[in-house]
PDB file of all heavy atoms in Angstrom:
ATOM      1  N   THR A   1      -6.444  -4.538 -16.602  1.00  0.00           N
ATOM      2  CA  THR A   1      -6.897  -5.427 -15.577  1.00  0.00           C
ATOM      3  C   THR A   1      -5.733  -6.208 -14.977  1.00  0.00           C
ATOM      4  O   THR A   1      -5.087  -6.969 -15.776  1.00  0.00           O
ATOM      5  CB  THR A   1      -8.027  -6.310 -16.125  1.00  0.00           C
ATOM      6  OG1 THR A   1      -9.167  -5.499 -16.454  1.00  0.00           O
ATOM      7  CG2 THR A   1      -8.464  -7.253 -15.123  1.00  0.00           C
ATOM      8  N   ALA A   2      -5.561  -6.150 -13.701  1.00  0.00           N
ATOM      9  CA  ALA A   2      -4.487  -6.834 -13.099  1.00  0.00           C
ATOM     10  C   ALA A   2      -4.611  -6.655 -11.585  1.00  0.00           C
ATOM     11  O   ALA A   2      -5.335  -5.862 -11.131  1.00  0.00           O
ATOM     12  CB  ALA A   2      -3.119  -6.238 -13.511  1.00  0.00           C
ATOM     13  N   VAL A   3      -3.757  -7.436 -10.836  1.00  0.00           N
ATOM     14  CA  VAL A   3      -3.551  -7.194  -9.436  1.00  0.00           C
ATOM     15  C   VAL A   3      -2.437  -6.220  -9.351  1.00  0.00           C
ATOM     16  O   VAL A   3      -1.336  -6.535  -9.996  1.00  0.00           O
ATOM     17  CB  VAL A   3      -3.259  -8.430  -8.601  1.00  0.00           C
ATOM     18  CG1 VAL A   3      -3.024  -8.132  -7.162  1.00  0.00           C
ATOM     19  CG2 VAL A   3      -4.358  -9.350  -8.723  1.00  0.00           C
ATOM     20  N   TYR A   4      -2.646  -5.085  -8.756  1.00  0.00           N
ATOM     21  CA  TYR A   4      -1.617  -4.100  -8.611  1.00  0.00           C
ATOM     22  C   TYR A   4      -0.952  -4.145  -7.276  1.00  0.00           C
ATOM     23  O   TYR A   4      -1.510  -4.155  -6.175  1.00  0.00           O
ATOM     24  CB  TYR A   4      -2.248  -2.685  -8.801  1.00  0.00           C
ATOM     25  CG  TYR A   4      -2.536  -2.395 -10.215  1.00  0.00           C
ATOM     26  CD1 TYR A   4      -3.562  -3.021 -10.918  1.00  0.00           C
ATOM     27  CD2 TYR A   4      -1.732  -1.510 -10.969  1.00  0.00           C
ATOM     28  CE1 TYR A   4      -3.798  -2.690 -12.217  1.00  0.00           C
ATOM     29  CE2 TYR A   4      -1.960  -1.224 -12.359  1.00  0.00           C
ATOM     30  CZ  TYR A   4      -3.031  -1.890 -12.942  1.00  0.00           C
ATOM     31  OH  TYR A   4      -3.195  -1.676 -14.267  1.00  0.00           O
ATOM     32  N   TYR A   5       0.421  -4.187  -7.248  1.00  0.00           N
ATOM     33  CA  TYR A   5       1.119  -4.306  -6.072  1.00  0.00           C
ATOM     34  C   TYR A   5       2.031  -3.148  -5.702  1.00  0.00           C
ATOM     35  O   TYR A   5       2.706  -2.604  -6.607  1.00  0.00           O
ATOM     36  CB  TYR A   5       2.114  -5.574  -6.130  1.00  0.00           C
ATOM     37  CG  TYR A   5       1.466  -6.924  -6.185  1.00  0.00           C
ATOM     38  CD1 TYR A   5       1.135  -7.311  -7.557  1.00  0.00           C
ATOM     39  CD2 TYR A   5       1.081  -7.605  -5.244  1.00  0.00           C
ATOM     40  CE1 TYR A   5       0.461  -8.668  -7.728  1.00  0.00           C
ATOM     41  CE2 TYR A   5       0.480  -8.869  -5.303  1.00  0.00           C
ATOM     42  CZ  TYR A   5       0.144  -9.359  -6.559  1.00  0.00           C
ATOM     43  OH  TYR A   5      -0.480 -10.475  -6.702  1.00  0.00           O
ATOM     44  N   CYS A   6       1.996  -2.674  -4.533  1.00  0.00           N
ATOM     45  CA  CYS A   6       2.768  -1.619  -4.130  1.00  0.00           C
ATOM     46  C   CYS A   6       4.218  -2.194  -3.765  1.00  0.00           C
ATOM     47  O   CYS A   6       4.393  -3.332  -3.263  1.00  0.00           O
ATOM     48  CB  CYS A   6       2.324  -0.962  -2.942  1.00  0.00           C
ATOM     49  SG  CYS A   6       3.193   0.548  -2.357  1.00  0.00           S
ATOM     50  N   TYR A   7       5.278  -1.463  -3.998  1.00  0.00           N
ATOM     51  CA  TYR A   7       6.648  -1.878  -3.941  1.00  0.00           C
ATOM     52  C   TYR A   7       7.482  -0.725  -3.330  1.00  0.00           C
ATOM     53  O   TYR A   7       7.307   0.439  -3.638  1.00  0.00           O
ATOM     54  CB  TYR A   7       7.158  -2.243  -5.391  1.00  0.00           C
ATOM     55  CG  TYR A   7       8.666  -2.299  -5.499  1.00  0.00           C
ATOM     56  CD1 TYR A   7       9.267  -3.582  -5.180  1.00  0.00           C
ATOM     57  CD2 TYR A   7       9.403  -1.320  -5.792  1.00  0.00           C
ATOM     58  CE1 TYR A   7      10.684  -3.812  -5.319  1.00  0.00           C
ATOM     59  CE2 TYR A   7      10.809  -1.338  -6.014  1.00  0.00           C
ATOM     60  CZ  TYR A   7      11.500  -2.593  -5.655  1.00  0.00           C
ATOM     61  OH  TYR A   7      12.727  -2.766  -5.995  1.00  0.00           O
ATOM     62  N   ALA A   8       8.460  -1.184  -2.550  1.00  0.00           N
ATOM     63  CA  ALA A   8       9.500  -0.277  -2.058  1.00  0.00           C
ATOM     64  C   ALA A   8      10.844  -0.992  -1.945  1.00  0.00           C
ATOM     65  O   ALA A   8      10.913  -2.071  -1.828  1.00  0.00           O
ATOM     66  CB  ALA A   8       9.034   0.276  -0.571  1.00  0.00           C
ATOM     67  N   ARG A   9      11.845  -0.190  -2.186  1.00  0.00           N
ATOM     68  CA  ARG A   9      13.169  -0.612  -2.090  1.00  0.00           C
ATOM     69  C   ARG A   9      14.020   0.306  -1.187  1.00  0.00           C
ATOM     70  O   ARG A   9      14.021   1.540  -1.360  1.00  0.00           O
ATOM     71  CB  ARG A   9      13.812  -0.713  -3.443  1.00  0.00           C
ATOM     72  CG  ARG A   9      15.299  -1.284  -3.353  1.00  0.00           C
ATOM     73  CD  ARG A   9      15.870  -1.353  -4.815  1.00  0.00           C
ATOM     74  NE  ARG A   9      16.160   0.023  -5.275  1.00  0.00           N
ATOM     75  CZ  ARG A   9      15.617   0.439  -6.403  1.00  0.00           C
ATOM     76  NH1 ARG A   9      14.770  -0.225  -7.196  1.00  0.00           N
ATOM     77  NH2 ARG A   9      15.865   1.736  -6.851  1.00  0.00           N
ATOM     78  N   SER A  10      14.721  -0.370  -0.239  1.00  0.00           N
ATOM     79  CA  SER A  10      15.512   0.555   0.640  1.00  0.00           C
ATOM     80  C   SER A  10      16.867   0.862   0.124  1.00  0.00           C
ATOM     81  O   SER A  10      17.441   0.194  -0.870  1.00  0.00           O
ATOM     82  CB  SER A  10      15.745  -0.207   2.029  1.00  0.00           C
ATOM     83  OG  SER A  10      16.501  -1.370   1.892  1.00  0.00           O
ATOM     84  N   GLY A  11      17.421   2.056   0.512  1.00  0.00           N
ATOM     85  CA  GLY A  11      18.712   2.347   0.109  1.00  0.00           C
ATOM     86  C   GLY A  11      19.806   1.670   0.852  1.00  0.00           C
ATOM     87  O   GLY A  11      19.584   0.671   1.529  1.00  0.00           O
ATOM     88  N   ASN A  12      21.125   2.118   0.565  1.00  0.00           N
ATOM     89  CA  ASN A  12      22.182   1.546   1.254  1.00  0.00           C
ATOM     90  C   ASN A  12      22.343   1.944   2.680  1.00  0.00           C
ATOM     91  O   ASN A  12      23.365   2.694   3.105  1.00  0.00           O
ATOM     92  CB  ASN A  12      23.454   1.756   0.398  1.00  0.00           C
ATOM     93  CG  ASN A  12      24.598   0.912   0.824  1.00  0.00           C
ATOM     94  OD1 ASN A  12      24.437  -0.167   1.456  1.00  0.00           O
ATOM     95  ND2 ASN A  12      25.820   1.449   0.501  1.00  0.00           N
ATOM     96  N   TYR A  13      21.428   1.609   3.474  1.00  0.00           N
ATOM     97  CA  TYR A  13      21.507   1.916   4.913  1.00  0.00           C
ATOM     98  C   TYR A  13      21.292   0.608   5.776  1.00  0.00           C
ATOM     99  O   TYR A  13      20.623  -0.208   5.472  1.00  0.00           O
ATOM    100  CB  TYR A  13      20.240   2.819   5.218  1.00  0.00           C
ATOM    101  CG  TYR A  13      20.185   4.074   4.453  1.00  0.00           C
ATOM    102  CD1 TYR A  13      19.162   4.196   3.463  1.00  0.00           C
ATOM    103  CD2 TYR A  13      20.958   5.036   4.684  1.00  0.00           C
ATOM    104  CE1 TYR A  13      19.100   5.445   2.790  1.00  0.00           C
ATOM    105  CE2 TYR A  13      20.947   6.294   3.995  1.00  0.00           C
ATOM    106  CZ  TYR A  13      19.931   6.384   3.010  1.00  0.00           C
ATOM    107  OH  TYR A  13      19.802   7.626   2.272  1.00  0.00           O
ATOM    108  N   ALA A  14      22.285   0.515   6.715  1.00  0.00           N
ATOM    109  CA  ALA A  14      22.212  -0.623   7.652  1.00  0.00           C
ATOM    110  C   ALA A  14      20.871  -0.426   8.415  1.00  0.00           C
ATOM    111  O   ALA A  14      20.544   0.604   8.952  1.00  0.00           O
ATOM    112  CB  ALA A  14      23.432  -0.548   8.640  1.00  0.00           C
ATOM    113  N   PRO A  15      20.254  -1.627   8.721  1.00  0.00           N
ATOM    114  CA  PRO A  15      20.491  -3.027   8.314  1.00  0.00           C
ATOM    115  C   PRO A  15      19.811  -3.375   6.954  1.00  0.00           C
ATOM    116  O   PRO A  15      19.670  -4.580   6.744  1.00  0.00           O
ATOM    117  CB  PRO A  15      19.968  -3.864   9.406  1.00  0.00           C
ATOM    118  CG  PRO A  15      18.724  -3.113   9.831  1.00  0.00           C
ATOM    119  CD  PRO A  15      19.070  -1.512   9.639  1.00  0.00           C
ATOM    120  N   TYR A  16      19.445  -2.458   6.203  1.00  0.00           N
ATOM    121  CA  TYR A  16      18.425  -2.695   5.058  1.00  0.00           C
ATOM    122  C   TYR A  16      19.210  -3.028   3.768  1.00  0.00           C
ATOM    123  O   TYR A  16      18.937  -4.171   3.237  1.00  0.00           O
ATOM    124  CB  TYR A  16      17.541  -1.530   4.876  1.00  0.00           C
ATOM    125  CG  TYR A  16      16.663  -1.275   6.130  1.00  0.00           C
ATOM    126  CD1 TYR A  16      17.039  -0.155   6.862  1.00  0.00           C
ATOM    127  CD2 TYR A  16      15.697  -2.153   6.595  1.00  0.00           C
ATOM    128  CE1 TYR A  16      16.321   0.104   8.074  1.00  0.00           C
ATOM    129  CE2 TYR A  16      15.112  -1.783   7.789  1.00  0.00           C
ATOM    130  CZ  TYR A  16      15.380  -0.743   8.486  1.00  0.00           C
ATOM    131  OH  TYR A  16      14.686  -0.406   9.624  1.00  0.00           O
ATOM    132  N   PHE A  17      20.119  -2.328   3.345  1.00  0.00           N
ATOM    133  CA  PHE A  17      20.963  -2.571   2.144  1.00  0.00           C
ATOM    134  C   PHE A  17      20.256  -3.202   1.075  1.00  0.00           C
ATOM    135  O   PHE A  17      20.383  -4.269   0.545  1.00  0.00           O
ATOM    136  CB  PHE A  17      22.051  -3.502   2.612  1.00  0.00           C
ATOM    137  CG  PHE A  17      22.978  -3.000   3.657  1.00  0.00           C
ATOM    138  CD1 PHE A  17      22.973  -3.481   4.979  1.00  0.00           C
ATOM    139  CD2 PHE A  17      23.800  -2.017   3.384  1.00  0.00           C
ATOM    140  CE1 PHE A  17      23.773  -2.988   5.863  1.00  0.00           C
ATOM    141  CE2 PHE A  17      24.650  -1.364   4.240  1.00  0.00           C
ATOM    142  CZ  PHE A  17      24.704  -1.975   5.653  1.00  0.00           C
ATOM    143  N   GLY A  18      19.298  -2.254   0.440  1.00  0.00           N
ATOM    144  CA  GLY A  18      18.616  -2.802  -0.779  1.00  0.00           C
ATOM    145  C   GLY A  18      17.586  -3.778  -0.553  1.00  0.00           C
ATOM    146  O   GLY A  18      17.116  -4.356  -1.433  1.00  0.00           O
ATOM    147  N   SER A  19      16.978  -3.865   0.577  1.00  0.00           N
ATOM    148  CA  SER A  19      15.828  -4.742   0.845  1.00  0.00           C
ATOM    149  C   SER A  19      14.523  -4.276   0.008  1.00  0.00           C
ATOM    150  O   SER A  19      14.385  -3.095  -0.111  1.00  0.00           O
ATOM    151  CB  SER A  19      15.481  -4.845   2.393  1.00  0.00           C
ATOM    152  OG  SER A  19      16.520  -5.412   2.996  1.00  0.00           O
ATOM    153  N   GLU A  20      13.816  -5.321  -0.454  1.00  0.00           N
ATOM    154  CA  GLU A  20      12.607  -4.947  -1.195  1.00  0.00           C
ATOM    155  C   GLU A  20      11.331  -5.515  -0.398  1.00  0.00           C
ATOM    156  O   GLU A  20      11.335  -6.429   0.359  1.00  0.00           O
ATOM    157  CB  GLU A  20      12.619  -5.806  -2.502  1.00  0.00           C
ATOM    158  CG  GLU A  20      13.744  -5.177  -3.403  1.00  0.00           C
ATOM    159  CD  GLU A  20      13.720  -5.947  -4.689  1.00  0.00           C
ATOM    160  OE1 GLU A  20      13.323  -7.237  -4.808  1.00  0.00           O
ATOM    161  OE2 GLU A  20      14.114  -5.290  -5.833  1.00  0.00           O
ATOM    162  N   TYR A  21      10.333  -4.664  -0.571  1.00  0.00           N
ATOM    163  CA  TYR A  21       9.036  -4.892   0.098  1.00  0.00           C
ATOM    164  C   TYR A  21       7.911  -4.886  -0.793  1.00  0.00           C
ATOM    165  O   TYR A  21       7.860  -4.145  -1.716  1.00  0.00           O
ATOM    166  CB  TYR A  21       8.948  -3.839   1.264  1.00  0.00           C
ATOM    167  CG  TYR A  21      10.018  -3.715   2.246  1.00  0.00           C
ATOM    168  CD1 TYR A  21      11.007  -2.750   1.897  1.00  0.00           C
ATOM    169  CD2 TYR A  21      10.217  -4.673   3.335  1.00  0.00           C
ATOM    170  CE1 TYR A  21      12.151  -2.782   2.787  1.00  0.00           C
ATOM    171  CE2 TYR A  21      11.328  -4.529   4.044  1.00  0.00           C
ATOM    172  CZ  TYR A  21      12.242  -3.579   3.911  1.00  0.00           C
ATOM    173  OH  TYR A  21      13.374  -3.530   4.709  1.00  0.00           O
ATOM    174  N   TRP A  22       6.876  -5.724  -0.534  1.00  0.00           N
ATOM    175  CA  TRP A  22       5.728  -5.858  -1.357  1.00  0.00           C
ATOM    176  C   TRP A  22       4.461  -5.751  -0.530  1.00  0.00           C
ATOM    177  O   TRP A  22       4.403  -6.304   0.490  1.00  0.00           O
ATOM    178  CB  TRP A  22       5.695  -7.078  -2.107  1.00  0.00           C
ATOM    179  CG  TRP A  22       6.837  -7.171  -3.124  1.00  0.00           C
ATOM    180  CD1 TRP A  22       8.054  -7.678  -2.985  1.00  0.00           C
ATOM    181  CD2 TRP A  22       6.905  -6.726  -4.622  1.00  0.00           C
ATOM    182  NE1 TRP A  22       8.862  -7.619  -4.022  1.00  0.00           N
ATOM    183  CE2 TRP A  22       8.082  -7.051  -4.955  1.00  0.00           C
ATOM    184  CE3 TRP A  22       5.745  -6.090  -5.322  1.00  0.00           C
ATOM    185  CZ2 TRP A  22       8.337  -6.760  -6.449  1.00  0.00           C
ATOM    186  CZ3 TRP A  22       6.245  -5.873  -6.578  1.00  0.00           C
ATOM    187  CH2 TRP A  22       7.439  -6.178  -7.090  1.00  0.00           C
ATOM    188  N   GLY A  23       3.543  -5.050  -1.124  1.00  0.00           N
ATOM    189  CA  GLY A  23       2.086  -5.117  -0.470  1.00  0.00           C
ATOM    190  C   GLY A  23       1.459  -6.470  -1.002  1.00  0.00           C
ATOM    191  O   GLY A  23       1.992  -7.216  -1.751  1.00  0.00           O
ATOM    192  N   GLN A  24       0.283  -6.628  -0.415  1.00  0.00           N
ATOM    193  CA  GLN A  24      -0.532  -7.939  -0.843  1.00  0.00           C
ATOM    194  C   GLN A  24      -1.248  -7.735  -2.165  1.00  0.00           C
ATOM    195  O   GLN A  24      -1.739  -8.819  -2.632  1.00  0.00           O
ATOM    196  CB  GLN A  24      -1.475  -8.227   0.344  1.00  0.00           C
ATOM    197  CG  GLN A  24      -0.722  -8.587   1.608  1.00  0.00           C
ATOM    198  CD  GLN A  24       0.010  -9.793   1.417  1.00  0.00           C
ATOM    199  OE1 GLN A  24      -0.383 -10.885   1.024  1.00  0.00           O
ATOM    200  NE2 GLN A  24       1.358  -9.716   1.783  1.00  0.00           N
ATOM    201  N   GLY A  25      -1.437  -6.621  -2.644  1.00  0.00           N
ATOM    202  CA  GLY A  25      -1.960  -6.403  -3.971  1.00  0.00           C
ATOM    203  C   GLY A  25      -3.485  -5.972  -3.877  1.00  0.00           C
ATOM    204  O   GLY A  25      -4.176  -6.288  -2.930  1.00  0.00           O
ATOM    205  N   THR A  26      -3.961  -5.260  -4.825  1.00  0.00           N
ATOM    206  CA  THR A  26      -5.337  -4.874  -4.877  1.00  0.00           C
ATOM    207  C   THR A  26      -5.817  -5.109  -6.327  1.00  0.00           C
ATOM    208  O   THR A  26      -5.115  -4.787  -7.278  1.00  0.00           O
ATOM    209  CB  THR A  26      -5.526  -3.333  -4.384  1.00  0.00           C
ATOM    210  OG1 THR A  26      -6.906  -3.094  -4.504  1.00  0.00           O
ATOM    211  CG2 THR A  26      -4.809  -2.350  -5.415  1.00  0.00           C
ATOM    212  N   GLN A  27      -6.917  -5.571  -6.465  1.00  0.00           N
ATOM    213  CA  GLN A  27      -7.529  -5.868  -7.886  1.00  0.00           C
ATOM    214  C   GLN A  27      -8.111  -4.646  -8.539  1.00  0.00           C
ATOM    215  O   GLN A  27      -8.808  -3.966  -8.024  1.00  0.00           O
ATOM    216  CB  GLN A  27      -8.626  -6.999  -7.662  1.00  0.00           C
ATOM    217  CG  GLN A  27      -9.147  -7.367  -8.989  1.00  0.00           C
ATOM    218  CD  GLN A  27      -8.294  -8.198  -9.940  1.00  0.00           C
ATOM    219  OE1 GLN A  27      -7.612  -9.085  -9.444  1.00  0.00           O
ATOM    220  NE2 GLN A  27      -8.177  -7.750 -11.245  1.00  0.00           N
TER     221      GLN A  27
END
């Protein structure tokens, strides 16, 4: 039981360079 969050991480590409992204979560 938890809030589950989707996650993504960009590679070494301009202009992202390892940026991380999160969803809002689903219970």
